[in-house]
Protein backbone atom coordinates (compact mmCIF):
# COMPACT_ATOMS: atom_id res chain seq x y z
CA MET A 1 -42.63 64.54 -17.08
CA LEU A 2 -43.53 65.97 -13.52
CA PHE A 3 -42.00 69.32 -15.66
CA LEU A 4 -44.71 69.39 -18.18
CA ILE A 5 -47.50 68.47 -15.58
CA GLY A 6 -45.93 71.51 -13.63
CA THR A 7 -45.91 73.81 -16.02
CA ILE A 8 -49.67 72.62 -17.46
CA ILE A 9 -51.07 73.28 -13.89
CA ALA A 10 -49.01 76.58 -13.47
CA LEU A 11 -50.05 78.03 -16.51
CA PHE A 12 -53.70 77.51 -15.36
CA ILE A 13 -53.27 79.19 -12.41
CA VAL A 14 -51.95 82.17 -13.93
CA TYR A 15 -54.90 82.26 -17.16
CA LYS A 16 -57.43 81.13 -13.85
CA GLN A 17 -55.89 84.25 -11.82
CA ILE A 18 -56.20 82.30 -8.95
CA ASP A 19 -55.11 83.83 -5.85
CA SER A 20 -54.91 81.26 -2.53
CA ARG A 21 -51.70 80.29 -0.52
CA ILE A 22 -51.17 77.19 -2.35
CA ALA A 23 -51.87 78.40 -6.23
CA PHE A 24 -48.46 80.56 -4.78
CA LYS A 25 -46.49 77.57 -2.93
CA PHE A 26 -47.05 76.01 -6.29
CA LEU A 27 -46.02 78.67 -8.61
CA ILE A 28 -42.85 79.29 -5.90
CA GLY A 29 -42.10 75.64 -6.21
CA TYR A 30 -42.46 75.03 -10.25
CA LEU A 31 -40.13 78.41 -10.18
CA PHE A 32 -37.28 76.69 -8.21
CA LEU A 33 -37.75 73.25 -10.39
CA ALA A 34 -37.13 75.33 -14.02
CA ILE A 35 -34.19 76.94 -12.14
CA PHE A 36 -32.51 73.88 -10.96
CA MET A 37 -33.23 72.33 -14.25
CA VAL A 38 -32.07 75.18 -16.28
CA LEU A 39 -28.57 74.94 -14.09
CA TYR A 40 -29.16 70.71 -13.90
CA ILE A 41 -29.10 70.14 -17.61
CA PRO A 42 -25.99 72.10 -19.53
CA CYS A 43 -23.92 71.10 -16.20
CA ILE A 44 -25.28 67.42 -16.22
CA THR A 45 -24.34 67.78 -20.05
CA ILE A 46 -20.74 68.79 -19.58
CA VAL A 47 -20.35 66.17 -16.53
CA ASN A 48 -21.17 62.89 -19.31
CA SER A 49 -19.73 64.93 -22.45
CA ARG A 50 -16.26 63.73 -20.72
CA ARG A 51 -16.58 60.27 -20.97
CA LEU A 52 -17.34 60.12 -24.62
CA LYS A 53 -14.07 59.46 -26.85
CA TRP A 54 -13.12 62.15 -28.67
CA LEU A 55 -14.55 61.42 -32.12
CA GLU A 56 -18.60 60.96 -30.88
CA LEU A 57 -17.51 64.98 -29.41
CA LYS A 58 -16.13 66.33 -32.69
CA LYS A 59 -19.23 64.62 -33.76
CA ARG A 60 -21.16 65.87 -31.37
CA LEU A 61 -19.88 69.26 -31.36
CA ILE A 62 -20.03 70.01 -35.21
CA LYS A 63 -23.90 68.68 -35.14
CA PHE A 64 -24.55 71.47 -32.36
CA ILE A 65 -22.19 74.62 -34.37
CA THR A 66 -24.09 73.65 -37.35
CA LEU A 67 -27.44 73.22 -36.13
CA LEU A 68 -26.68 76.52 -34.13
CA LEU A 69 -25.90 78.57 -37.17
CA LEU A 70 -29.14 77.10 -39.61
CA PHE A 71 -31.44 77.19 -37.58
CA ALA A 72 -29.77 81.20 -35.83
CA SER A 73 -29.95 81.86 -39.91
CA ILE A 74 -33.62 80.69 -40.59
CA ASN A 75 -34.92 82.36 -37.86
CA TYR A 76 -33.72 85.51 -38.51
CA ILE A 77 -34.17 85.11 -42.28
CA LEU A 78 -38.23 84.69 -40.75
CA ASP A 79 -38.34 87.22 -38.45
CA TRP A 80 -37.02 89.75 -41.07
CA ILE A 81 -39.19 89.27 -44.01
CA LEU A 82 -42.13 88.63 -41.71
CA ARG A 83 -41.85 91.68 -39.27
CA PRO A 84 -38.73 93.99 -40.07
CA LEU A 85 -39.05 96.28 -37.98
CA ASN A 86 -38.80 94.13 -34.62
CA VAL A 87 -36.01 92.09 -35.63
CA ASN A 88 -34.75 90.66 -32.13
CA LEU A 89 -31.67 88.94 -32.60
CA ILE A 90 -30.37 87.84 -28.92
CA LYS A 91 -33.80 85.85 -29.39
CA ASN A 92 -33.27 84.45 -32.58
CA ILE A 93 -30.13 83.67 -31.42
CA SER A 94 -31.36 81.48 -27.82
CA VAL A 95 -34.35 79.76 -28.91
CA ALA A 96 -31.29 78.80 -31.91
CA LEU A 97 -28.80 77.53 -28.89
CA GLY A 98 -31.45 76.10 -26.52
CA LEU A 99 -32.73 73.60 -29.92
CA ALA A 100 -29.03 72.80 -31.54
CA PHE A 101 -27.72 71.90 -27.56
CA GLY A 102 -31.14 69.95 -26.72
CA ILE A 103 -31.12 67.36 -30.25
CA SER A 104 -27.06 67.83 -30.51
CA PHE A 105 -26.46 66.60 -26.88
CA ILE A 106 -30.06 64.88 -25.51
CA ASP A 107 -29.37 61.76 -25.27
CA VAL A 108 -25.99 62.32 -23.03
CA ILE A 109 -27.37 63.33 -19.97
CA PHE A 110 -28.88 59.68 -19.68
CA LEU A 111 -25.37 58.03 -19.99
CA LYS A 112 -25.00 55.35 -17.69
CA LYS A 113 -21.14 54.90 -16.16
CA GLY A 114 -19.50 52.39 -18.27
CA ARG A 115 -22.67 50.28 -19.72
CA ASP A 116 -24.11 53.49 -22.40
CA LEU A 117 -20.32 54.38 -23.83
CA GLU A 118 -19.40 50.72 -24.75
CA GLU A 119 -22.25 50.76 -26.99
């Protein structure tokens, strides 16, 4: 929630071109928060995934790979139909990777030690 509010405020500052020390410090803080989240979420997901049973982890990995291929294919096809001269494969795969990772592993980030694993 904090990241969402910060994004809205940062977009407002950039859109209105507010040039003050406070706005600059806020944008630098927001940048550090964004970098921290990009590094923190995958690390916590990997650490918490080690607690999962092999069958559950296997199901999630299959779901991840399936969604990655599906999203990458759909994104590539739509780019090829709508903008045939500007197809960017790296962008398509990175968007698909983020979506597939988020859908497959978002609840693993919030696992508590012991209690959530038994359910």
